Amino acid sequence: MFGMDTLVGKPSSYSRVTLSRIMATTDVNLYGTVHGGVIMKFLDDAAGAAAARHSGGNAVTAAIDEIVFAAPVRVGDLVHAHATVNWTGSSSMEVGVRVVAERWDTAGTDPVEVATAYLVFVGVDVDNRPRRIPPVLPETPDDERRWREADIRRRHRLARRDAIAESRSA
């Protein structure tokens, strides 16, 4: 599937991306807070930008491992999605995203963590086939911890897939 060429690794900091936007009335759900789907799209956009930056080309969402909503987002909040590549395989990568909100009515206070997520992306070529991506090179103890935890999530995801396949063939 892949050539034997060696790709030069990129440091964790190379892929870091922050997207920001102010939430509007068009983003709300029936409860008057920002719809979870709006936050999901926003974090997928941030993760996609980090994945494309790291891989040097197109990368598509292959899986969302986990999204945790910690606090509601309100109209007028300035929301930031911070994304970085945590782990890489030969063509896939995990991107972690942390979403925080600056409350419009309490300017000057610390942002509130509103969501976290882990997404899996695959680098693809012009024919949408998987392509090799460069390895991510953890730079800090935090980056190394994220790498280890991403590898655990990957092993669990693959074990779950295999267990389900085995269950279906029984």
C-alpha atoms as a PDB file:
ATOM      1  CA  MET A   1       0.000   0.000   0.000  1.00  0.00           C
ATOM      2  CA  PHE A   2       2.808   2.399   0.877  1.00  0.00           C
ATOM      3  CA  GLY A   3       6.230   3.039  -0.582  1.00  0.00           C
ATOM      4  CA  MET A   4       9.355   2.472   1.465  1.00  0.00           C
ATOM      5  CA  ASP A   5      10.198   6.182   1.568  1.00  0.00           C
ATOM      6  CA  THR A   6      10.887   7.603   4.998  1.00  0.00           C
ATOM      7  CA  LEU A   7       8.998  10.699   6.018  1.00  0.00           C
ATOM      8  CA  VAL A   8      10.608  13.253   8.289  1.00  0.00           C
ATOM      9  CA  GLY A   9       8.754  13.539  11.589  1.00  0.00           C
ATOM     10  CA  LYS A  10       7.135  16.764  12.730  1.00  0.00           C
ATOM     11  CA  PRO A  11       7.074  18.031  16.317  1.00  0.00           C
ATOM     12  CA  SER A  12       3.778  18.096  18.210  1.00  0.00           C
ATOM     13  CA  SER A  13       3.769  21.891  18.182  1.00  0.00           C
ATOM     14  CA  TYR A  14       3.731  21.948  14.357  1.00  0.00           C
ATOM     15  CA  SER A  15       0.128  20.729  14.170  1.00  0.00           C
ATOM     16  CA  ARG A  16      -1.384  22.851  16.924  1.00  0.00           C
ATOM     17  CA  VAL A  17      -4.381  24.852  15.729  1.00  0.00           C
ATOM     18  CA  THR A  18      -6.858  27.139  17.484  1.00  0.00           C
ATOM     19  CA  LEU A  19     -10.149  28.111  15.869  1.00  0.00           C
ATOM     20  CA  SER A  20     -12.368  30.725  17.503  1.00  0.00           C
ATOM     21  CA  ARG A  21     -15.895  31.976  16.943  1.00  0.00           C
ATOM     22  CA  ILE A  22     -18.685  33.816  18.684  1.00  0.00           C
ATOM     23  CA  MET A  23     -21.820  31.708  19.080  1.00  0.00           C
ATOM     24  CA  ALA A  24     -24.975  33.206  17.549  1.00  0.00           C
ATOM     25  CA  THR A  25     -28.723  32.773  17.884  1.00  0.00           C
ATOM     26  CA  THR A  26     -28.700  30.471  14.841  1.00  0.00           C
ATOM     27  CA  ASP A  27     -26.612  27.985  16.884  1.00  0.00           C
ATOM     28  CA  VAL A  28     -29.113  27.345  19.699  1.00  0.00           C
ATOM     29  CA  ASN A  29     -31.213  24.299  20.475  1.00  0.00           C
ATOM     30  CA  LEU A  30     -34.663  24.108  22.054  1.00  0.00           C
ATOM     31  CA  TYR A  31     -33.132  24.644  25.505  1.00  0.00           C
ATOM     32  CA  GLY A  32     -31.616  28.011  24.595  1.00  0.00           C
ATOM     33  CA  THR A  33     -28.004  26.805  24.648  1.00  0.00           C
ATOM     34  CA  VAL A  34     -25.735  26.071  21.706  1.00  0.00           C
ATOM     35  CA  HIS A  35     -26.629  22.777  20.026  1.00  0.00           C
ATOM     36  CA  GLY A  36     -24.160  19.952  20.651  1.00  0.00           C
ATOM     37  CA  GLY A  37     -23.990  19.337  16.906  1.00  0.00           C
ATOM     38  CA  VAL A  38     -22.661  22.866  16.371  1.00  0.00           C
ATOM     39  CA  ILE A  39     -19.892  22.160  18.885  1.00  0.00           C
ATOM     40  CA  MET A  40     -19.212  18.784  17.225  1.00  0.00           C
ATOM     41  CA  LYS A  41     -18.782  20.393  13.812  1.00  0.00           C
ATOM     42  CA  PHE A  42     -16.588  23.107  15.293  1.00  0.00           C
ATOM     43  CA  LEU A  43     -14.255  20.626  16.972  1.00  0.00           C
ATOM     44  CA  ASP A  44     -14.162  18.463  13.816  1.00  0.00           C
ATOM     45  CA  ASP A  45     -13.144  21.571  11.837  1.00  0.00           C
ATOM     46  CA  ALA A  46     -10.319  22.308  14.296  1.00  0.00           C
ATOM     47  CA  ALA A  47      -9.185  18.660  14.323  1.00  0.00           C
ATOM     48  CA  GLY A  48      -9.277  18.547  10.522  1.00  0.00           C
ATOM     49  CA  ALA A  49      -7.097  21.645  10.293  1.00  0.00           C
ATOM     50  CA  ALA A  50      -4.536  20.116  12.687  1.00  0.00           C
ATOM     51  CA  ALA A  51      -4.597  16.801  10.774  1.00  0.00           C
ATOM     52  CA  ALA A  52      -4.139  18.515   7.397  1.00  0.00           C
ATOM     53  CA  ARG A  53      -1.341  20.687   8.768  1.00  0.00           C
ATOM     54  CA  HIS A  54       0.474  17.683  10.220  1.00  0.00           C
ATOM     55  CA  SER A  55      -0.030  15.374   7.250  1.00  0.00           C
ATOM     56  CA  GLY A  56       0.776  18.016   4.645  1.00  0.00           C
ATOM     57  CA  GLY A  57      -2.380  17.402   2.643  1.00  0.00           C
ATOM     58  CA  ASN A  58      -5.890  16.040   2.737  1.00  0.00           C
ATOM     59  CA  ALA A  59      -7.004  14.147   5.817  1.00  0.00           C
ATOM     60  CA  VAL A  60     -10.494  12.812   6.470  1.00  0.00           C
ATOM     61  CA  THR A  61     -12.333  12.004   9.693  1.00  0.00           C
ATOM     62  CA  ALA A  62     -12.340   8.223  10.163  1.00  0.00           C
ATOM     63  CA  ALA A  63     -13.692   7.970  13.718  1.00  0.00           C
ATOM     64  CA  ILE A  64     -14.633   9.988  16.724  1.00  0.00           C
ATOM     65  CA  ASP A  65     -13.415   8.102  19.758  1.00  0.00           C
ATOM     66  CA  GLU A  66     -14.990  10.238  22.399  1.00  0.00           C
ATOM     67  CA  ILE A  67     -16.715  13.555  22.924  1.00  0.00           C
ATOM     68  CA  VAL A  68     -17.406  14.782  26.419  1.00  0.00           C
ATOM     69  CA  PHE A  69     -19.637  17.813  26.925  1.00  0.00           C
ATOM     70  CA  ALA A  70     -18.681  19.394  30.256  1.00  0.00           C
ATOM     71  CA  ALA A  71     -20.659  22.651  30.284  1.00  0.00           C
ATOM     72  CA  PRO A  72     -23.241  24.379  28.095  1.00  0.00           C
ATOM     73  CA  VAL A  73     -22.283  27.063  25.593  1.00  0.00           C
ATOM     74  CA  ARG A  74     -24.461  30.142  25.343  1.00  0.00           C
ATOM     75  CA  VAL A  75     -25.200  32.668  22.637  1.00  0.00           C
ATOM     76  CA  GLY A  76     -22.539  35.383  22.712  1.00  0.00           C
ATOM     77  CA  ASP A  77     -19.806  33.159  24.157  1.00  0.00           C
ATOM     78  CA  LEU A  78     -16.437  33.394  22.421  1.00  0.00           C
ATOM     79  CA  VAL A  79     -15.516  29.747  21.904  1.00  0.00           C
ATOM     80  CA  HIS A  80     -12.039  28.395  21.138  1.00  0.00           C
ATOM     81  CA  ALA A  81     -11.207  24.892  19.883  1.00  0.00           C
ATOM     82  CA  HIS A  82      -7.574  23.923  20.544  1.00  0.00           C
ATOM     83  CA  ALA A  83      -6.440  20.901  18.510  1.00  0.00           C
ATOM     84  CA  THR A  84      -3.203  18.958  18.239  1.00  0.00           C
ATOM     85  CA  VAL A  85      -2.039  15.643  16.786  1.00  0.00           C
ATOM     86  CA  ASN A  86      -1.450  13.248  19.693  1.00  0.00           C
ATOM     87  CA  TRP A  87      -0.419  10.050  17.886  1.00  0.00           C
ATOM     88  CA  THR A  88       0.407   8.848  14.379  1.00  0.00           C
ATOM     89  CA  GLY A  89       0.479   5.519  12.615  1.00  0.00           C
ATOM     90  CA  SER A  90       1.477   4.971   8.995  1.00  0.00           C
ATOM     91  CA  SER A  91      -1.590   6.735   7.537  1.00  0.00           C
ATOM     92  CA  SER A  92      -3.793   7.516  10.535  1.00  0.00           C
ATOM     93  CA  MET A  93      -3.508   9.956  13.412  1.00  0.00           C
ATOM     94  CA  GLU A  94      -5.382  10.850  16.558  1.00  0.00           C
ATOM     95  CA  VAL A  95      -6.188  14.504  17.123  1.00  0.00           C
ATOM     96  CA  GLY A  96      -7.182  15.759  20.559  1.00  0.00           C
ATOM     97  CA  VAL A  97      -9.428  18.808  20.861  1.00  0.00           C
ATOM     98  CA  ARG A  98     -10.207  20.943  23.885  1.00  0.00           C
ATOM     99  CA  VAL A  99     -13.051  23.447  23.566  1.00  0.00           C
ATOM    100  CA  VAL A 100     -13.300  26.392  25.957  1.00  0.00           C
ATOM    101  CA  ALA A 101     -15.710  29.316  26.180  1.00  0.00           C
ATOM    102  CA  GLU A 102     -15.168  32.870  27.278  1.00  0.00           C
ATOM    103  CA  ARG A 103     -18.493  33.945  28.752  1.00  0.00           C
ATOM    104  CA  TRP A 104     -19.769  37.155  27.181  1.00  0.00           C
ATOM    105  CA  ASP A 105     -21.261  38.363  30.469  1.00  0.00           C
ATOM    106  CA  THR A 106     -18.187  37.726  32.635  1.00  0.00           C
ATOM    107  CA  ALA A 107     -15.336  39.165  30.564  1.00  0.00           C
ATOM    108  CA  GLY A 108     -11.944  38.895  32.186  1.00  0.00           C
ATOM    109  CA  THR A 109     -12.595  35.567  33.917  1.00  0.00           C
ATOM    110  CA  ASP A 110     -10.927  32.287  33.024  1.00  0.00           C
ATOM    111  CA  PRO A 111     -12.428  30.382  30.073  1.00  0.00           C
ATOM    112  CA  VAL A 112     -14.728  27.482  30.926  1.00  0.00           C
ATOM    113  CA  GLU A 113     -13.903  24.040  29.508  1.00  0.00           C
ATOM    114  CA  VAL A 114     -17.002  23.012  27.592  1.00  0.00           C
ATOM    115  CA  ALA A 115     -15.932  19.919  25.637  1.00  0.00           C
ATOM    116  CA  THR A 116     -13.090  17.545  24.866  1.00  0.00           C
ATOM    117  CA  ALA A 117     -12.803  15.044  22.035  1.00  0.00           C
ATOM    118  CA  TYR A 118     -10.509  12.548  20.351  1.00  0.00           C
ATOM    119  CA  LEU A 119     -10.850  12.086  16.602  1.00  0.00           C
ATOM    120  CA  VAL A 120      -9.076   9.729  14.217  1.00  0.00           C
ATOM    121  CA  PHE A 121      -8.073  11.049  10.802  1.00  0.00           C
ATOM    122  CA  VAL A 122      -6.543   9.309   7.811  1.00  0.00           C
ATOM    123  CA  GLY A 123      -4.283  11.078   5.349  1.00  0.00           C
ATOM    124  CA  VAL A 124      -5.603  10.522   1.822  1.00  0.00           C
ATOM    125  CA  ASP A 125      -4.260  11.112  -1.673  1.00  0.00           C
ATOM    126  CA  VAL A 126      -6.117  12.688  -4.621  1.00  0.00           C
ATOM    127  CA  ASP A 127      -7.971   9.392  -5.189  1.00  0.00           C
ATOM    128  CA  ASN A 128      -9.067   9.270  -1.528  1.00  0.00           C
ATOM    129  CA  ARG A 129      -6.780   6.316  -0.797  1.00  0.00           C
ATOM    130  CA  PRO A 130      -4.769   6.227   2.432  1.00  0.00           C
ATOM    131  CA  ARG A 131      -1.321   7.735   2.124  1.00  0.00           C
ATOM    132  CA  ARG A 132       1.698   7.770   4.407  1.00  0.00           C
ATOM    133  CA  ILE A 133       1.906  10.603   6.887  1.00  0.00           C
ATOM    134  CA  PRO A 134       4.911  11.821   8.852  1.00  0.00           C
ATOM    135  CA  PRO A 135       5.314  10.626  12.428  1.00  0.00           C
ATOM    136  CA  VAL A 136       4.514  13.083  15.201  1.00  0.00           C
ATOM    137  CA  LEU A 137       7.447  13.758  17.509  1.00  0.00           C
ATOM    138  CA  PRO A 138       6.341  14.452  21.092  1.00  0.00           C
ATOM    139  CA  GLU A 139       8.251  17.398  22.546  1.00  0.00           C
ATOM    140  CA  THR A 140       7.158  17.634  26.173  1.00  0.00           C
ATOM    141  CA  PRO A 141       6.157  15.229  28.954  1.00  0.00           C
ATOM    142  CA  ASP A 142       2.540  16.283  28.250  1.00  0.00           C
ATOM    143  CA  ASP A 143       2.964  15.365  24.565  1.00  0.00           C
ATOM    144  CA  GLU A 144       4.425  11.983  25.584  1.00  0.00           C
ATOM    145  CA  ARG A 145       1.479  11.363  27.940  1.00  0.00           C
ATOM    146  CA  ARG A 146      -0.979  12.211  25.142  1.00  0.00           C
ATOM    147  CA  TRP A 147       0.868   9.773  22.831  1.00  0.00           C
ATOM    148  CA  ARG A 148       0.621   6.946  25.402  1.00  0.00           C
ATOM    149  CA  GLU A 149      -3.069   7.613  26.086  1.00  0.00           C
ATOM    150  CA  ALA A 150      -3.853   7.804  22.347  1.00  0.00           C
ATOM    151  CA  ASP A 151      -2.159   4.446  21.844  1.00  0.00           C
ATOM    152  CA  ILE A 152      -4.370   2.952  24.601  1.00  0.00           C
ATOM    153  CA  ARG A 153      -7.497   4.361  22.901  1.00  0.00           C
ATOM    154  CA  ARG A 154      -6.329   2.909  19.567  1.00  0.00           C
ATOM    155  CA  ARG A 155      -5.758  -0.560  21.041  1.00  0.00           C
ATOM    156  CA  HIS A 156      -9.191  -0.463  22.697  1.00  0.00           C
ATOM    157  CA  ARG A 157     -10.866   0.682  19.471  1.00  0.00           C
ATOM    158  CA  LEU A 158      -9.238  -2.158  17.493  1.00  0.00           C
ATOM    159  CA  ALA A 159     -10.004  -4.766  20.175  1.00  0.00           C
ATOM    160  CA  ARG A 160     -13.668  -3.646  20.245  1.00  0.00           C
ATOM    161  CA  ARG A 161     -13.857  -3.875  16.453  1.00  0.00           C
ATOM    162  CA  ASP A 162     -12.349  -7.377  16.481  1.00  0.00           C
ATOM    163  CA  ALA A 163     -14.651  -8.547  19.313  1.00  0.00           C
ATOM    164  CA  ILE A 164     -17.724  -7.302  17.451  1.00  0.00           C
ATOM    165  CA  ALA A 165     -16.591  -8.997  14.228  1.00  0.00           C
ATOM    166  CA  GLU A 166     -16.022 -12.254  16.124  1.00  0.00           C
ATOM    167  CA  SER A 167     -19.447 -11.958  17.765  1.00  0.00           C
ATOM    168  CA  ARG A 168     -21.135 -11.525  14.403  1.00  0.00           C
ATOM    169  CA  SER A 169     -19.439 -14.576  12.921  1.00  0.00           C
ATOM    170  CA  ALA A 170     -20.565 -16.839  15.784  1.00  0.00           C
END
